[in-house]
Amino acid sequence: MTTSAVPTADRSDFRNILASGTLVGVITGIGVVAFVAISRLLPAGAARDVLESVLVLVGFVAVSLVPGQRAVSRTAEGVAGAAAIGLWGTVVFMAIDIVLLRPFKAYPWTWDAIGGGSSWWYLPIWWMLGTFLAWMGGLLTAARNARGAATLAQVALPVVVGAVVLSAAGKVLGCPVPLAAITGAAYTVTLAALAVFFNARKA
């Protein structure tokens, strides 16, 4: 008789939240460093836009769906655990940002200028966005797990495809913002829509 390697209960314990959130925060930091490197080393053009957008997709999958996988989201408890992992991940990234990225001037001055010269304007926004993404990812993961254990790739595929389609539509329609920004917005909209849709079907 064999047993499944996939846990059958939600994992919202404090230790898992801290360990998983730390992992998410470190992945976020690596992603930001890679994005900054691409933006500085490659000349403006289609190649840079595509690479930045791919990196945004990978990063958004990490911060939105890895928490649900680590919490094994199946019920409200697991969804809450995923959101908590996402929140802790943003706190860990904040530490990386303050200690490593800010001293090396990773962002252009216009980034601070948005907040009137302050570098703190975006941190609360990131706390909220990171928690929201993980919450929606936990909801989607729980809905998919209700139909049988779903892998990260299985949960991520429809979100990524939807984001790519919306991003392409936005670019064709002439949306006047960088492709990477369109991709991030498209991913967020697609994730939230699928989370609501699949949970409505589950109910």
C-alpha atoms as a PDB file:
ATOM      1  CA  MET A   1       0.000   0.000   0.000  1.00  0.00           C
ATOM      2  CA  THR A   2       1.411   3.421  -0.992  1.00  0.00           C
ATOM      3  CA  THR A   3       0.734   6.848   0.405  1.00  0.00           C
ATOM      4  CA  SER A   4       0.660  10.147  -1.456  1.00  0.00           C
ATOM      5  CA  ALA A   5       3.589  12.501  -1.063  1.00  0.00           C
ATOM      6  CA  VAL A   6       1.199  15.461  -1.285  1.00  0.00           C
ATOM      7  CA  PRO A   7      -0.109  16.597   2.141  1.00  0.00           C
ATOM      8  CA  THR A   8      -3.863  16.273   2.500  1.00  0.00           C
ATOM      9  CA  ALA A   9      -4.323  19.010   5.115  1.00  0.00           C
ATOM     10  CA  ASP A  10      -3.797  22.745   5.006  1.00  0.00           C
ATOM     11  CA  ARG A  11      -0.510  23.941   6.484  1.00  0.00           C
ATOM     12  CA  SER A  12      -1.037  27.266   8.226  1.00  0.00           C
ATOM     13  CA  ASP A  13       1.332  26.700  11.144  1.00  0.00           C
ATOM     14  CA  PHE A  14       3.579  29.588  12.142  1.00  0.00           C
ATOM     15  CA  ARG A  15       6.813  27.790  11.281  1.00  0.00           C
ATOM     16  CA  ASN A  16       5.666  27.011   7.750  1.00  0.00           C
ATOM     17  CA  ILE A  17       4.462  30.587   7.258  1.00  0.00           C
ATOM     18  CA  LEU A  18       7.841  32.013   8.277  1.00  0.00           C
ATOM     19  CA  ALA A  19       9.906  29.524   6.267  1.00  0.00           C
ATOM     20  CA  SER A  20       7.728  29.756   3.157  1.00  0.00           C
ATOM     21  CA  GLY A  21       7.381  33.538   3.375  1.00  0.00           C
ATOM     22  CA  THR A  22      11.142  33.867   3.647  1.00  0.00           C
ATOM     23  CA  LEU A  23      11.525  31.754   0.512  1.00  0.00           C
ATOM     24  CA  VAL A  24       9.025  33.938  -1.346  1.00  0.00           C
ATOM     25  CA  GLY A  25      10.788  37.101  -0.180  1.00  0.00           C
ATOM     26  CA  VAL A  26      14.195  35.856  -1.321  1.00  0.00           C
ATOM     27  CA  ILE A  27      12.782  34.824  -4.707  1.00  0.00           C
ATOM     28  CA  THR A  28      11.261  38.290  -5.031  1.00  0.00           C
ATOM     29  CA  GLY A  29      14.604  39.909  -4.256  1.00  0.00           C
ATOM     30  CA  ILE A  30      16.394  37.786  -6.849  1.00  0.00           C
ATOM     31  CA  GLY A  31      13.718  38.649  -9.391  1.00  0.00           C
ATOM     32  CA  VAL A  32      14.043  42.383  -8.750  1.00  0.00           C
ATOM     33  CA  VAL A  33      17.842  42.220  -9.070  1.00  0.00           C
ATOM     34  CA  ALA A  34      17.482  40.346 -12.356  1.00  0.00           C
ATOM     35  CA  PHE A  35      14.933  42.882 -13.623  1.00  0.00           C
ATOM     36  CA  VAL A  36      17.203  45.803 -12.751  1.00  0.00           C
ATOM     37  CA  ALA A  37      20.142  44.075 -14.464  1.00  0.00           C
ATOM     38  CA  ILE A  38      18.141  43.510 -17.649  1.00  0.00           C
ATOM     39  CA  SER A  39      16.874  47.092 -17.698  1.00  0.00           C
ATOM     40  CA  ARG A  40      20.414  48.458 -17.324  1.00  0.00           C
ATOM     41  CA  LEU A  41      22.405  46.071 -19.489  1.00  0.00           C
ATOM     42  CA  LEU A  42      20.119  45.692 -22.489  1.00  0.00           C
ATOM     43  CA  PRO A  43      19.238  48.531 -24.851  1.00  0.00           C
ATOM     44  CA  ALA A  44      15.616  49.589 -25.099  1.00  0.00           C
ATOM     45  CA  GLY A  45      13.686  47.513 -27.591  1.00  0.00           C
ATOM     46  CA  ALA A  46      11.533  44.480 -28.139  1.00  0.00           C
ATOM     47  CA  ALA A  47      14.061  42.004 -26.725  1.00  0.00           C
ATOM     48  CA  ARG A  48      14.317  43.852 -23.417  1.00  0.00           C
ATOM     49  CA  ASP A  49      10.542  44.291 -23.206  1.00  0.00           C
ATOM     50  CA  VAL A  50       9.957  40.572 -23.718  1.00  0.00           C
ATOM     51  CA  LEU A  51      12.637  39.505 -21.224  1.00  0.00           C
ATOM     52  CA  GLU A  52      11.297  41.904 -18.593  1.00  0.00           C
ATOM     53  CA  SER A  53       7.754  40.652 -19.150  1.00  0.00           C
ATOM     54  CA  VAL A  54       8.804  37.014 -18.859  1.00  0.00           C
ATOM     55  CA  LEU A  55      10.595  37.843 -15.628  1.00  0.00           C
ATOM     56  CA  VAL A  56       7.472  39.606 -14.331  1.00  0.00           C
ATOM     57  CA  LEU A  57       5.386  36.510 -15.105  1.00  0.00           C
ATOM     58  CA  VAL A  58       7.832  34.221 -13.297  1.00  0.00           C
ATOM     59  CA  GLY A  59       7.966  36.568 -10.328  1.00  0.00           C
ATOM     60  CA  PHE A  60       4.205  36.927 -10.100  1.00  0.00           C
ATOM     61  CA  VAL A  61       3.763  33.156 -10.221  1.00  0.00           C
ATOM     62  CA  ALA A  62       6.218  32.862  -7.339  1.00  0.00           C
ATOM     63  CA  VAL A  63       4.590  35.458  -5.097  1.00  0.00           C
ATOM     64  CA  SER A  64       1.001  34.482  -5.917  1.00  0.00           C
ATOM     65  CA  LEU A  65       0.961  30.694  -6.296  1.00  0.00           C
ATOM     66  CA  VAL A  66       3.938  29.373  -4.339  1.00  0.00           C
ATOM     67  CA  PRO A  67       2.250  30.451  -1.050  1.00  0.00           C
ATOM     68  CA  GLY A  68      -0.838  28.396  -1.888  1.00  0.00           C
ATOM     69  CA  GLN A  69       1.312  25.392  -2.737  1.00  0.00           C
ATOM     70  CA  ARG A  70       3.356  25.735   0.447  1.00  0.00           C
ATOM     71  CA  ALA A  71       0.191  26.092   2.543  1.00  0.00           C
ATOM     72  CA  VAL A  72      -1.454  23.208   0.631  1.00  0.00           C
ATOM     73  CA  SER A  73      -4.524  25.436   0.373  1.00  0.00           C
ATOM     74  CA  ARG A  74      -7.739  23.427   0.451  1.00  0.00           C
ATOM     75  CA  THR A  75      -9.977  25.228   2.944  1.00  0.00           C
ATOM     76  CA  ALA A  76     -10.292  28.739   4.364  1.00  0.00           C
ATOM     77  CA  GLU A  77      -7.467  27.916   6.779  1.00  0.00           C
ATOM     78  CA  GLY A  78      -5.090  27.109   3.962  1.00  0.00           C
ATOM     79  CA  VAL A  79      -6.114  30.210   2.011  1.00  0.00           C
ATOM     80  CA  ALA A  80      -5.415  32.334   5.096  1.00  0.00           C
ATOM     81  CA  GLY A  81      -2.077  30.558   5.458  1.00  0.00           C
ATOM     82  CA  ALA A  82      -1.212  31.431   1.854  1.00  0.00           C
ATOM     83  CA  ALA A  83      -2.081  35.097   2.455  1.00  0.00           C
ATOM     84  CA  ALA A  84       0.078  35.119   5.600  1.00  0.00           C
ATOM     85  CA  ILE A  85       2.978  33.599   3.648  1.00  0.00           C
ATOM     86  CA  GLY A  86       2.553  36.308   1.032  1.00  0.00           C
ATOM     87  CA  LEU A  87       2.539  39.045   3.671  1.00  0.00           C
ATOM     88  CA  TRP A  88       5.678  37.710   5.367  1.00  0.00           C
ATOM     89  CA  GLY A  89       7.316  37.432   1.954  1.00  0.00           C
ATOM     90  CA  THR A  90       6.780  41.157   1.406  1.00  0.00           C
ATOM     91  CA  VAL A  91       8.345  41.908   4.803  1.00  0.00           C
ATOM     92  CA  VAL A  92      11.397  39.789   3.951  1.00  0.00           C
ATOM     93  CA  PHE A  93      11.724  41.531   0.603  1.00  0.00           C
ATOM     94  CA  MET A  94      11.463  44.887   2.387  1.00  0.00           C
ATOM     95  CA  ALA A  95      14.522  43.964   4.436  1.00  0.00           C
ATOM     96  CA  ILE A  96      16.407  42.944   1.278  1.00  0.00           C
ATOM     97  CA  ASP A  97      15.337  46.174  -0.381  1.00  0.00           C
ATOM     98  CA  ILE A  98      16.465  48.416   2.489  1.00  0.00           C
ATOM     99  CA  VAL A  99      19.754  46.606   3.183  1.00  0.00           C
ATOM    100  CA  LEU A 100      20.890  45.776  -0.359  1.00  0.00           C
ATOM    101  CA  LEU A 101      18.913  47.461  -3.123  1.00  0.00           C
ATOM    102  CA  ARG A 102      18.506  51.005  -1.820  1.00  0.00           C
ATOM    103  CA  PRO A 103      22.199  51.549  -0.902  1.00  0.00           C
ATOM    104  CA  PHE A 104      23.219  50.477  -4.403  1.00  0.00           C
ATOM    105  CA  LYS A 105      20.623  52.806  -5.980  1.00  0.00           C
ATOM    106  CA  ALA A 106      18.865  49.988  -7.782  1.00  0.00           C
ATOM    107  CA  TYR A 107      15.965  52.215  -8.797  1.00  0.00           C
ATOM    108  CA  PRO A 108      15.993  55.429 -10.855  1.00  0.00           C
ATOM    109  CA  TRP A 109      15.334  58.748  -9.110  1.00  0.00           C
ATOM    110  CA  THR A 110      11.902  58.946 -10.748  1.00  0.00           C
ATOM    111  CA  TRP A 111      10.870  55.960  -8.590  1.00  0.00           C
ATOM    112  CA  ASP A 112      11.325  58.053  -5.441  1.00  0.00           C
ATOM    113  CA  ALA A 113       9.992  61.179  -7.129  1.00  0.00           C
ATOM    114  CA  ILE A 114       6.583  59.504  -7.425  1.00  0.00           C
ATOM    115  CA  GLY A 115       6.374  59.628  -3.638  1.00  0.00           C
ATOM    116  CA  GLY A 116       7.675  63.193  -3.317  1.00  0.00           C
ATOM    117  CA  GLY A 117      11.271  62.076  -2.790  1.00  0.00           C
ATOM    118  CA  SER A 118      10.478  59.334  -0.294  1.00  0.00           C
ATOM    119  CA  SER A 119      11.409  55.688  -0.845  1.00  0.00           C
ATOM    120  CA  TRP A 120       8.683  54.511   1.544  1.00  0.00           C
ATOM    121  CA  TRP A 121       5.680  55.188  -0.648  1.00  0.00           C
ATOM    122  CA  TYR A 122       5.798  51.830  -2.442  1.00  0.00           C
ATOM    123  CA  LEU A 123       6.388  49.545   0.562  1.00  0.00           C
ATOM    124  CA  PRO A 124       2.801  49.663   1.923  1.00  0.00           C
ATOM    125  CA  ILE A 125       1.569  49.199  -1.638  1.00  0.00           C
ATOM    126  CA  TRP A 126       3.829  46.160  -1.998  1.00  0.00           C
ATOM    127  CA  TRP A 127       2.600  44.737   1.341  1.00  0.00           C
ATOM    128  CA  MET A 128      -0.985  45.010   0.117  1.00  0.00           C
ATOM    129  CA  LEU A 129      -0.288  43.740  -3.403  1.00  0.00           C
ATOM    130  CA  GLY A 130       1.837  40.803  -2.226  1.00  0.00           C
ATOM    131  CA  THR A 131      -0.791  39.745   0.307  1.00  0.00           C
ATOM    132  CA  PHE A 132      -3.606  40.157  -2.226  1.00  0.00           C
ATOM    133  CA  LEU A 133      -1.796  38.084  -4.847  1.00  0.00           C
ATOM    134  CA  ALA A 134      -1.065  35.303  -2.356  1.00  0.00           C
ATOM    135  CA  TRP A 135      -4.677  35.390  -1.132  1.00  0.00           C
ATOM    136  CA  MET A 136      -6.046  35.087  -4.679  1.00  0.00           C
ATOM    137  CA  GLY A 137      -3.477  32.394  -5.423  1.00  0.00           C
ATOM    138  CA  GLY A 138      -4.530  30.511  -2.302  1.00  0.00           C
ATOM    139  CA  LEU A 139      -8.177  30.726  -3.352  1.00  0.00           C
ATOM    140  CA  LEU A 140      -7.379  29.440  -6.838  1.00  0.00           C
ATOM    141  CA  THR A 141      -5.173  26.655  -5.464  1.00  0.00           C
ATOM    142  CA  ALA A 142      -7.905  25.589  -3.027  1.00  0.00           C
ATOM    143  CA  ALA A 143     -10.484  25.485  -5.809  1.00  0.00           C
ATOM    144  CA  ARG A 144      -8.187  23.402  -8.008  1.00  0.00           C
ATOM    145  CA  ASN A 145      -7.263  21.068  -5.125  1.00  0.00           C
ATOM    146  CA  ALA A 146     -10.972  20.437  -4.556  1.00  0.00           C
ATOM    147  CA  ARG A 147     -10.912  18.627  -7.910  1.00  0.00           C
ATOM    148  CA  GLY A 148      -7.770  16.652  -7.025  1.00  0.00           C
ATOM    149  CA  ALA A 149      -4.245  17.605  -6.003  1.00  0.00           C
ATOM    150  CA  ALA A 150      -3.006  20.253  -8.443  1.00  0.00           C
ATOM    151  CA  THR A 151       0.647  21.013  -9.127  1.00  0.00           C
ATOM    152  CA  LEU A 152       2.048  24.526  -9.376  1.00  0.00           C
ATOM    153  CA  ALA A 153       2.267  24.202 -13.158  1.00  0.00           C
ATOM    154  CA  GLN A 154      -1.367  23.110 -13.432  1.00  0.00           C
ATOM    155  CA  VAL A 155      -2.580  26.058 -11.379  1.00  0.00           C
ATOM    156  CA  ALA A 156      -0.284  28.563 -13.078  1.00  0.00           C
ATOM    157  CA  LEU A 157      -0.889  27.643 -16.725  1.00  0.00           C
ATOM    158  CA  PRO A 158      -4.331  29.245 -17.230  1.00  0.00           C
ATOM    159  CA  VAL A 159      -3.263  32.357 -15.316  1.00  0.00           C
ATOM    160  CA  VAL A 160      -0.127  32.814 -17.400  1.00  0.00           C
ATOM    161  CA  VAL A 161      -1.975  32.191 -20.664  1.00  0.00           C
ATOM    162  CA  GLY A 162      -4.665  34.699 -19.711  1.00  0.00           C
ATOM    163  CA  ALA A 163      -2.052  37.262 -18.720  1.00  0.00           C
ATOM    164  CA  VAL A 164      -0.185  36.853 -22.003  1.00  0.00           C
ATOM    165  CA  VAL A 165      -3.397  37.262 -24.019  1.00  0.00           C
ATOM    166  CA  LEU A 166      -4.441  40.374 -22.086  1.00  0.00           C
ATOM    167  CA  SER A 167      -0.928  41.834 -22.335  1.00  0.00           C
ATOM    168  CA  ALA A 168      -0.853  41.332 -26.092  1.00  0.00           C
ATOM    169  CA  ALA A 169      -4.285  42.938 -26.406  1.00  0.00           C
ATOM    170  CA  GLY A 170      -3.163  45.902 -24.314  1.00  0.00           C
ATOM    171  CA  LYS A 171      -0.073  46.388 -26.459  1.00  0.00           C
ATOM    172  CA  VAL A 172      -2.065  46.126 -29.703  1.00  0.00           C
ATOM    173  CA  LEU A 173      -4.548  48.690 -28.391  1.00  0.00           C
ATOM    174  CA  GLY A 174      -1.652  51.042 -27.714  1.00  0.00           C
ATOM    175  CA  CYS A 175      -1.597  51.111 -23.921  1.00  0.00           C
ATOM    176  CA  PRO A 176       1.019  53.829 -23.165  1.00  0.00           C
ATOM    177  CA  VAL A 177       2.924  51.992 -20.408  1.00  0.00           C
ATOM    178  CA  PRO A 178       5.845  49.513 -20.562  1.00  0.00           C
ATOM    179  CA  LEU A 179       4.988  45.954 -21.556  1.00  0.00           C
ATOM    180  CA  ALA A 180       6.229  44.626 -18.199  1.00  0.00           C
ATOM    181  CA  ALA A 181       3.735  46.850 -16.371  1.00  0.00           C
ATOM    182  CA  ILE A 182       0.913  45.727 -18.665  1.00  0.00           C
ATOM    183  CA  THR A 183       1.917  42.111 -18.012  1.00  0.00           C
ATOM    184  CA  GLY A 184       1.836  42.566 -14.242  1.00  0.00           C
ATOM    185  CA  ALA A 185      -1.590  44.203 -14.361  1.00  0.00           C
ATOM    186  CA  ALA A 186      -2.899  41.544 -16.747  1.00  0.00           C
ATOM    187  CA  TYR A 187      -1.646  38.761 -14.479  1.00  0.00           C
ATOM    188  CA  THR A 188      -3.314  40.294 -11.424  1.00  0.00           C
ATOM    189  CA  VAL A 189      -6.652  40.699 -13.219  1.00  0.00           C
ATOM    190  CA  THR A 190      -6.516  37.164 -14.640  1.00  0.00           C
ATOM    191  CA  LEU A 191      -5.592  35.606 -11.296  1.00  0.00           C
ATOM    192  CA  ALA A 192      -8.403  37.375  -9.436  1.00  0.00           C
ATOM    193  CA  ALA A 193     -10.948  36.523 -12.135  1.00  0.00           C
ATOM    194  CA  LEU A 194     -10.007  32.824 -12.192  1.00  0.00           C
ATOM    195  CA  ALA A 195      -9.974  32.633  -8.384  1.00  0.00           C
ATOM    196  CA  VAL A 196     -13.497  34.053  -8.200  1.00  0.00           C
ATOM    197  CA  PHE A 197     -14.717  31.897 -11.105  1.00  0.00           C
ATOM    198  CA  PHE A 198     -13.412  28.577  -9.823  1.00  0.00           C
ATOM    199  CA  ASN A 199     -14.589  29.264  -6.278  1.00  0.00           C
ATOM    200  CA  ALA A 200     -18.054  30.165  -7.564  1.00  0.00           C
ATOM    201  CA  ARG A 201     -18.126  26.826  -9.413  1.00  0.00           C
ATOM    202  CA  LYS A 202     -16.913  25.004  -6.307  1.00  0.00           C
ATOM    203  CA  ALA A 203     -19.710  26.553  -4.251  1.00  0.00           C
END
